[in-house]
Protein backbone atom coordinates (compact mmCIF):
# COMPACT_ATOMS: atom_id res chain seq x y z
CA MET A 1 -22.16 -58.28 -35.21
CA ALA A 2 -23.04 -56.13 -32.60
CA GLU A 3 -21.51 -52.72 -32.04
CA THR A 4 -21.07 -51.20 -28.19
CA LEU A 5 -21.47 -47.48 -29.59
CA VAL A 6 -21.12 -44.60 -27.10
CA ILE A 7 -22.66 -41.35 -27.94
CA SER A 8 -21.95 -38.38 -25.59
CA LEU A 9 -24.10 -35.06 -25.81
CA GLY A 10 -22.54 -32.29 -24.27
CA GLY A 11 -24.07 -30.44 -22.06
CA ASN A 12 -24.22 -26.73 -24.16
CA ALA A 13 -25.25 -28.43 -26.98
CA PHE A 14 -28.93 -28.89 -24.74
CA VAL A 15 -29.69 -25.49 -25.50
CA ALA A 16 -29.40 -23.35 -29.15
CA ALA A 17 -27.10 -20.44 -28.57
CA GLY A 18 -29.52 -17.05 -27.33
CA GLU A 19 -31.99 -19.14 -26.17
CA GLU A 20 -32.88 -19.66 -22.74
CA LEU A 21 -32.81 -23.11 -20.85
CA SER A 22 -35.78 -25.16 -19.88
CA MET A 23 -36.86 -28.42 -19.17
CA ALA A 24 -39.40 -27.83 -22.08
CA GLY A 25 -36.14 -26.88 -24.26
CA GLN A 26 -34.16 -29.84 -23.24
CA PHE A 27 -36.81 -32.27 -24.22
CA ALA A 28 -36.92 -31.02 -27.39
CA PHE A 29 -33.43 -30.94 -28.01
CA ALA A 30 -33.45 -34.98 -26.81
CA ALA A 31 -36.03 -35.81 -28.78
CA ARG A 32 -34.35 -33.41 -32.36
CA THR A 33 -30.78 -35.44 -31.28
CA LEU A 34 -31.69 -38.89 -30.44
CA ALA A 35 -34.23 -39.28 -33.39
CA PRO A 36 -31.97 -40.88 -35.29
CA LEU A 37 -31.05 -43.32 -33.16
CA ALA A 38 -34.94 -44.31 -33.31
CA SER A 39 -33.58 -47.67 -35.84
CA PRO A 40 -30.12 -48.48 -34.67
CA LEU A 41 -32.02 -48.91 -31.06
CA LEU A 42 -33.82 -51.99 -32.17
CA THR A 43 -30.93 -53.73 -33.28
CA ASP A 44 -28.47 -55.89 -31.81
CA ASN A 45 -26.22 -52.70 -31.07
CA ARG A 46 -25.68 -51.70 -27.62
CA PHE A 47 -25.05 -48.45 -26.40
CA LEU A 48 -24.16 -46.36 -23.95
CA VAL A 49 -24.55 -42.37 -23.41
CA THR A 50 -23.10 -40.06 -21.55
CA HIS A 51 -23.86 -36.27 -20.92
CA GLY A 52 -22.31 -32.91 -19.63
CA TYR A 53 -23.57 -31.00 -17.09
CA GLY A 54 -23.34 -27.46 -18.16
CA PRO A 55 -25.39 -25.23 -18.43
CA GLN A 56 -27.88 -26.90 -15.78
CA VAL A 57 -25.39 -27.65 -13.29
CA GLY A 58 -24.88 -23.76 -12.90
CA TYR A 59 -28.97 -23.04 -12.37
CA ILE A 60 -28.64 -25.57 -9.67
CA LEU A 61 -25.95 -23.80 -7.90
CA THR A 62 -27.82 -20.54 -8.04
CA ARG A 63 -30.88 -22.27 -6.24
CA VAL A 64 -28.55 -23.36 -3.84
CA GLU A 65 -26.88 -19.80 -3.24
CA GLU A 66 -30.62 -18.19 -3.74
CA ALA A 67 -31.65 -20.69 -1.11
CA LEU A 68 -28.82 -19.64 2.08
CA GLY A 69 -29.99 -19.64 4.91
CA LYS A 70 -33.25 -21.05 4.00
CA ALA A 71 -32.96 -24.82 3.06
CA TYR A 72 -29.58 -26.69 3.62
CA SER A 73 -26.70 -26.19 1.59
CA LEU A 74 -25.52 -28.93 -0.80
CA PRO A 75 -21.93 -29.64 -1.86
CA LEU A 76 -21.02 -29.09 -4.94
CA GLU A 77 -20.84 -33.08 -5.97
CA VAL A 78 -24.47 -32.99 -4.91
CA CYS A 79 -25.13 -30.70 -7.33
CA VAL A 80 -23.61 -32.78 -10.21
CA ALA A 81 -25.54 -36.35 -8.78
CA GLU A 82 -28.33 -33.36 -8.97
CA SER A 83 -27.56 -32.62 -13.01
CA GLU A 84 -27.14 -36.54 -13.69
CA GLY A 85 -30.68 -37.00 -12.27
CA GLU A 86 -32.67 -34.29 -13.64
CA ILE A 87 -30.75 -35.41 -17.56
CA GLY A 88 -30.33 -38.60 -17.35
CA TYR A 89 -34.97 -38.45 -16.88
CA VAL A 90 -34.83 -36.24 -20.01
CA LEU A 91 -32.92 -39.12 -21.99
CA GLN A 92 -34.21 -42.09 -20.70
CA GLN A 93 -38.02 -41.04 -21.11
CA THR A 94 -36.83 -39.61 -24.73
CA LEU A 95 -35.18 -42.72 -25.20
CA HIS A 96 -37.75 -45.07 -24.45
CA ASN A 97 -40.42 -42.77 -26.84
CA LEU A 98 -38.46 -43.12 -29.77
CA THR A 99 -38.85 -47.13 -29.43
CA GLU A 100 -42.16 -47.41 -28.10
CA GLY A 101 -40.95 -48.87 -24.66
CA ARG A 102 -39.40 -51.59 -26.85
CA ARG A 103 -35.70 -51.18 -26.20
CA PRO A 104 -34.86 -51.00 -21.87
CA VAL A 105 -33.37 -47.94 -20.82
CA ALA A 106 -32.35 -46.56 -17.53
CA THR A 107 -29.86 -43.90 -15.55
CA LEU A 108 -27.04 -44.97 -13.74
CA LEU A 109 -25.57 -42.20 -10.97
CA THR A 110 -22.05 -43.08 -11.41
CA GLN A 111 -19.16 -41.97 -9.03
CA VAL A 112 -15.86 -41.26 -10.59
CA LEU A 113 -12.59 -42.11 -8.45
CA VAL A 114 -10.06 -39.32 -7.79
CA ASP A 115 -6.92 -38.73 -6.48
CA ALA A 116 -6.96 -36.95 -3.21
CA GLU A 117 -3.79 -35.66 -3.52
CA ASP A 118 -4.22 -34.52 -7.16
CA PRO A 119 -2.48 -30.61 -7.51
CA ALA A 120 -6.00 -29.75 -8.97
CA PHE A 121 -7.10 -28.73 -6.03
CA ALA A 122 -4.43 -26.87 -4.70
CA ALA A 123 -5.08 -24.93 -8.23
CA PRO A 124 -9.17 -24.83 -9.46
CA ASP A 125 -9.63 -23.28 -12.80
CA LYS A 126 -12.40 -24.89 -13.41
CA PRO A 127 -15.51 -22.58 -14.28
CA VAL A 128 -19.18 -23.58 -12.82
CA GLY A 129 -21.77 -21.97 -12.16
CA PRO A 130 -23.84 -18.49 -12.90
CA TRP A 131 -21.57 -14.84 -13.21
CA PHE A 132 -21.62 -13.04 -9.85
CA GLU A 133 -22.24 -8.97 -9.73
CA PRO A 134 -19.35 -7.40 -8.08
CA GLY A 135 -21.09 -6.83 -5.06
CA GLN A 136 -21.89 -10.89 -4.87
CA ALA A 137 -18.53 -11.50 -6.38
CA GLN A 138 -16.99 -9.91 -2.93
CA VAL A 139 -19.45 -11.76 -0.22
CA LEU A 140 -18.22 -15.13 -1.87
CA ALA A 141 -14.67 -13.84 -2.18
CA GLN A 142 -14.65 -12.80 1.08
CA ALA A 143 -15.87 -16.13 2.09
CA GLY A 144 -13.13 -18.22 0.53
CA ILE A 145 -14.89 -19.32 -2.27
CA PRO A 146 -12.25 -19.31 -5.21
CA LEU A 147 -13.80 -16.59 -8.20
CA VAL A 148 -12.10 -15.99 -11.97
CA TYR A 149 -13.44 -12.87 -12.92
CA ASP A 150 -14.21 -10.80 -16.17
CA ARG A 151 -13.53 -7.14 -17.32
CA GLU A 152 -16.61 -5.98 -15.24
CA GLY A 153 -15.29 -6.84 -12.04
CA ARG A 154 -18.06 -9.92 -12.46
CA GLY A 155 -16.51 -13.61 -10.66
CA ARG A 156 -17.17 -16.59 -11.34
CA ARG A 157 -17.03 -20.03 -8.99
CA VAL A 158 -13.27 -22.43 -10.06
CA VAL A 159 -13.30 -25.49 -8.70
CA ALA A 160 -10.82 -28.06 -9.02
CA SER A 161 -11.02 -30.60 -11.95
CA PRO A 162 -9.12 -33.48 -11.02
CA ALA A 163 -7.85 -36.63 -13.36
CA PRO A 164 -11.16 -39.26 -13.08
CA HIS A 165 -8.68 -42.82 -12.22
CA GLN A 166 -11.70 -45.05 -11.99
CA ILE A 167 -15.43 -45.79 -12.42
CA ILE A 168 -16.73 -47.29 -9.38
CA GLU A 169 -19.76 -48.34 -11.47
CA ILE A 170 -18.07 -49.49 -14.60
CA GLU A 171 -18.94 -53.99 -13.92
CA VAL A 172 -22.99 -53.04 -12.84
CA ILE A 173 -22.47 -51.32 -16.77
CA ARG A 174 -21.15 -53.82 -18.28
CA GLU A 175 -23.56 -56.32 -16.85
CA MET A 176 -26.16 -54.03 -17.89
CA LEU A 177 -25.63 -53.43 -21.47
CA ALA A 178 -24.92 -57.37 -22.06
CA LEU A 179 -28.47 -57.47 -21.01
CA GLY A 180 -29.42 -55.22 -23.85
CA VAL A 181 -30.31 -52.22 -21.22
CA THR A 182 -29.08 -48.64 -22.71
CA VAL A 183 -27.27 -46.69 -20.40
CA ILE A 184 -27.09 -43.27 -19.32
CA ALA A 185 -24.12 -43.04 -17.28
CA ALA A 186 -21.04 -40.84 -16.11
CA GLY A 187 -23.29 -37.42 -16.24
CA GLY A 188 -21.31 -33.94 -15.83
CA GLY A 189 -17.97 -36.49 -15.84
CA GLY A 190 -19.70 -38.50 -12.78
CA ILE A 191 -19.85 -37.72 -9.43
CA PRO A 192 -16.13 -37.50 -7.82
CA VAL A 193 -14.84 -39.38 -4.52
CA VAL A 194 -11.87 -40.38 -3.48
CA GLU A 195 -11.13 -43.48 -1.25
CA ARG A 196 -10.28 -42.76 2.16
CA GLY A 197 -9.45 -46.07 4.65
CA GLY A 198 -11.07 -47.96 2.14
CA ARG A 199 -14.40 -45.85 2.11
CA LEU A 200 -15.99 -43.61 -0.77
CA GLU A 201 -16.62 -40.46 -0.03
CA GLY A 202 -17.84 -36.96 -2.17
CA VAL A 203 -15.32 -34.13 -2.87
CA GLU A 204 -15.81 -30.76 -4.32
CA ALA A 205 -14.22 -30.87 -7.62
CA VAL A 206 -16.20 -31.89 -10.86
CA VAL A 207 -14.60 -34.49 -13.65
CA ASP A 208 -13.94 -33.60 -17.16
CA LYS A 209 -17.21 -35.20 -18.85
CA ASP A 210 -14.76 -35.40 -22.40
CA LEU A 211 -12.13 -37.22 -20.04
CA ALA A 212 -14.59 -39.60 -18.48
CA THR A 213 -16.29 -40.90 -21.43
CA ALA A 214 -13.26 -41.89 -22.92
CA MET A 215 -11.81 -44.05 -19.64
CA LEU A 216 -15.67 -45.15 -19.61
CA ALA A 217 -15.56 -46.09 -23.22
CA ILE A 218 -12.41 -48.32 -22.66
CA GLY A 219 -13.89 -49.44 -19.81
CA ILE A 220 -16.32 -51.26 -21.29
CA ASP A 221 -15.09 -51.93 -24.87
CA ALA A 222 -16.11 -49.54 -27.47
CA ASP A 223 -16.28 -49.94 -30.77
CA GLN A 224 -17.07 -46.59 -30.89
CA MET A 225 -17.12 -43.39 -29.46
CA VAL A 226 -19.23 -39.76 -30.59
CA LEU A 227 -18.73 -36.35 -28.73
CA VAL A 228 -21.46 -34.34 -29.84
CA THR A 229 -20.80 -30.18 -28.91
CA GLY A 230 -21.94 -27.52 -30.54
CA VAL A 231 -19.46 -26.54 -33.52
CA PRO A 232 -19.33 -29.30 -36.53
CA GLY A 233 -16.28 -30.89 -35.45
CA ILE A 234 -12.23 -29.96 -34.64
CA TYR A 235 -11.07 -27.01 -36.16
CA GLU A 236 -7.83 -26.08 -36.88
CA ASN A 237 -7.39 -22.13 -35.98
CA PHE A 238 -10.76 -22.45 -34.37
CA ASP A 239 -12.30 -18.65 -34.38
CA ARG A 240 -10.23 -17.34 -36.89
CA PRO A 241 -10.31 -16.29 -40.40
CA ASP A 242 -7.76 -18.91 -41.24
CA ALA A 243 -10.60 -21.84 -39.67
CA ARG A 244 -10.18 -24.74 -41.49
CA LEU A 245 -12.62 -28.10 -39.98
CA LEU A 246 -10.40 -31.30 -39.52
CA ASN A 247 -12.68 -33.95 -41.72
CA ARG A 248 -10.44 -36.92 -41.27
CA THR A 249 -7.26 -36.58 -38.82
CA TYR A 250 -5.14 -39.15 -36.77
CA PRO A 251 -3.73 -38.85 -32.77
CA GLY A 252 -0.49 -37.89 -33.35
CA GLU A 253 -1.66 -35.11 -35.94
CA LEU A 254 -4.09 -33.90 -33.61
CA GLN A 255 -0.90 -34.27 -30.72
CA ARG A 256 1.53 -32.07 -33.06
CA MET A 257 -1.50 -29.53 -33.27
CA ALA A 258 -2.92 -29.15 -29.89
CA GLY A 259 1.36 -28.49 -28.85
CA GLU A 260 0.60 -25.57 -31.27
CA GLY A 261 -2.07 -24.55 -29.22
CA HIS A 262 -5.31 -25.23 -31.40
CA PHE A 263 -6.66 -26.39 -28.89
CA PRO A 264 -7.97 -24.39 -25.78
CA LEU A 265 -8.39 -25.95 -22.68
CA GLY A 266 -12.02 -24.79 -22.03
CA SER A 267 -12.99 -25.41 -24.92
CA MET A 268 -11.28 -28.30 -27.63
CA GLY A 269 -8.63 -29.32 -25.88
CA PRO A 270 -10.18 -31.94 -23.88
CA LYS A 271 -12.05 -33.61 -26.73
CA VAL A 272 -9.40 -33.83 -28.69
CA ALA A 273 -7.56 -35.56 -25.28
CA ALA A 274 -10.88 -38.07 -25.14
CA VAL A 275 -10.76 -38.79 -28.85
CA VAL A 276 -7.11 -39.29 -28.80
CA GLN A 277 -6.68 -41.33 -25.69
CA PHE A 278 -10.01 -43.55 -26.81
CA VAL A 279 -8.53 -44.05 -30.58
CA GLN A 280 -5.32 -44.75 -29.40
CA ALA A 281 -6.19 -47.62 -26.55
CA THR A 282 -8.50 -48.80 -28.71
CA GLY A 283 -7.57 -48.90 -32.27
CA ARG A 284 -11.19 -48.24 -33.53
CA ARG A 285 -12.79 -44.68 -34.04
CA ALA A 286 -13.91 -41.58 -32.56
CA VAL A 287 -15.98 -38.59 -34.35
CA VAL A 288 -16.50 -35.28 -32.52
CA CYS A 289 -19.68 -33.41 -34.50
CA GLN A 290 -22.84 -31.21 -33.92
CA PRO A 291 -25.93 -32.91 -32.92
CA ALA A 292 -27.63 -31.88 -36.36
CA ASP A 293 -24.92 -34.81 -37.15
CA LEU A 294 -25.39 -37.44 -35.48
CA ALA A 295 -26.77 -39.63 -37.31
CA ALA A 296 -23.94 -38.96 -40.49
CA ALA A 297 -21.22 -39.32 -37.64
CA LEU A 298 -22.19 -43.04 -36.57
CA ALA A 299 -21.16 -43.91 -40.20
CA GLY A 300 -18.49 -41.67 -40.33
CA GLU A 301 -19.76 -39.89 -42.64
CA ALA A 302 -20.01 -35.85 -40.74
CA GLY A 303 -17.61 -34.26 -38.06
CA THR A 304 -14.56 -34.88 -37.46
CA VAL A 305 -13.33 -39.11 -37.48
CA VAL A 306 -10.32 -39.51 -35.93
CA GLU A 307 -8.91 -43.01 -37.30
CA PRO A 308 -6.39 -44.89 -35.77
CA VAL A 309 -3.51 -44.88 -38.17
CA SER A 310 -2.89 -42.34 -41.51
């Protein structure tokens, strides 16, 4: 029986530690990571691919900052849309080549509705873009741009990250999947929009990619969700000498561990929240894995497998 599978590629997984991001590198990463899908893509299964936007959107913001006074400025949500196009193109071409054009694939710019009154707008805390040297950071701060600082006084822009409420193009995505199209959607968490007077308007914010992916996976009634990231899976006591990879776990255990502070908000926290949300809503399996383990993860044999019940 055909299944619907959601695969989410973390933005930071597009580049190996210590490597500079490049278009050639992104194509190479996509070819390596998606190679295990060559055969599954030619089955009756339906595939939806989402992806992160960092560090790509950071470079887009850098170009915008350096072009000030020379070209028109771009609001953050447009930068997110640009990253959807860039990464979507890489993934779309790669998937086309994997199947030698025998499986249609398309990228859909995806808008995600957020609440204009979300408390996140009053307390921006999501870092985006590059680090600025102290002098540059001071200029940006004087212009009213919220920043976080490191010990050297460098600053990095922080923006609001409101919760996703609705995938605007969900019906289009369902129809495309039903037609056998492999869909790339909700890149970078989607383009954040608010509704005012019955009309949609973009808003300067970012939506968490993992939470948007879970909402999308639930909305298309996915049979499995796989989050691909830069580490082998979910760890207890991550980055400590007593770190332990969780090979198989359950929503209740993850929620307990989250309450104990095992999953920082800036790293594994959103992924844990996303898999818990998906598994509890659907009663189906979710997996968190690294790129090299995607094939085994799809079979539930690698990464951290999150099952609905213990």
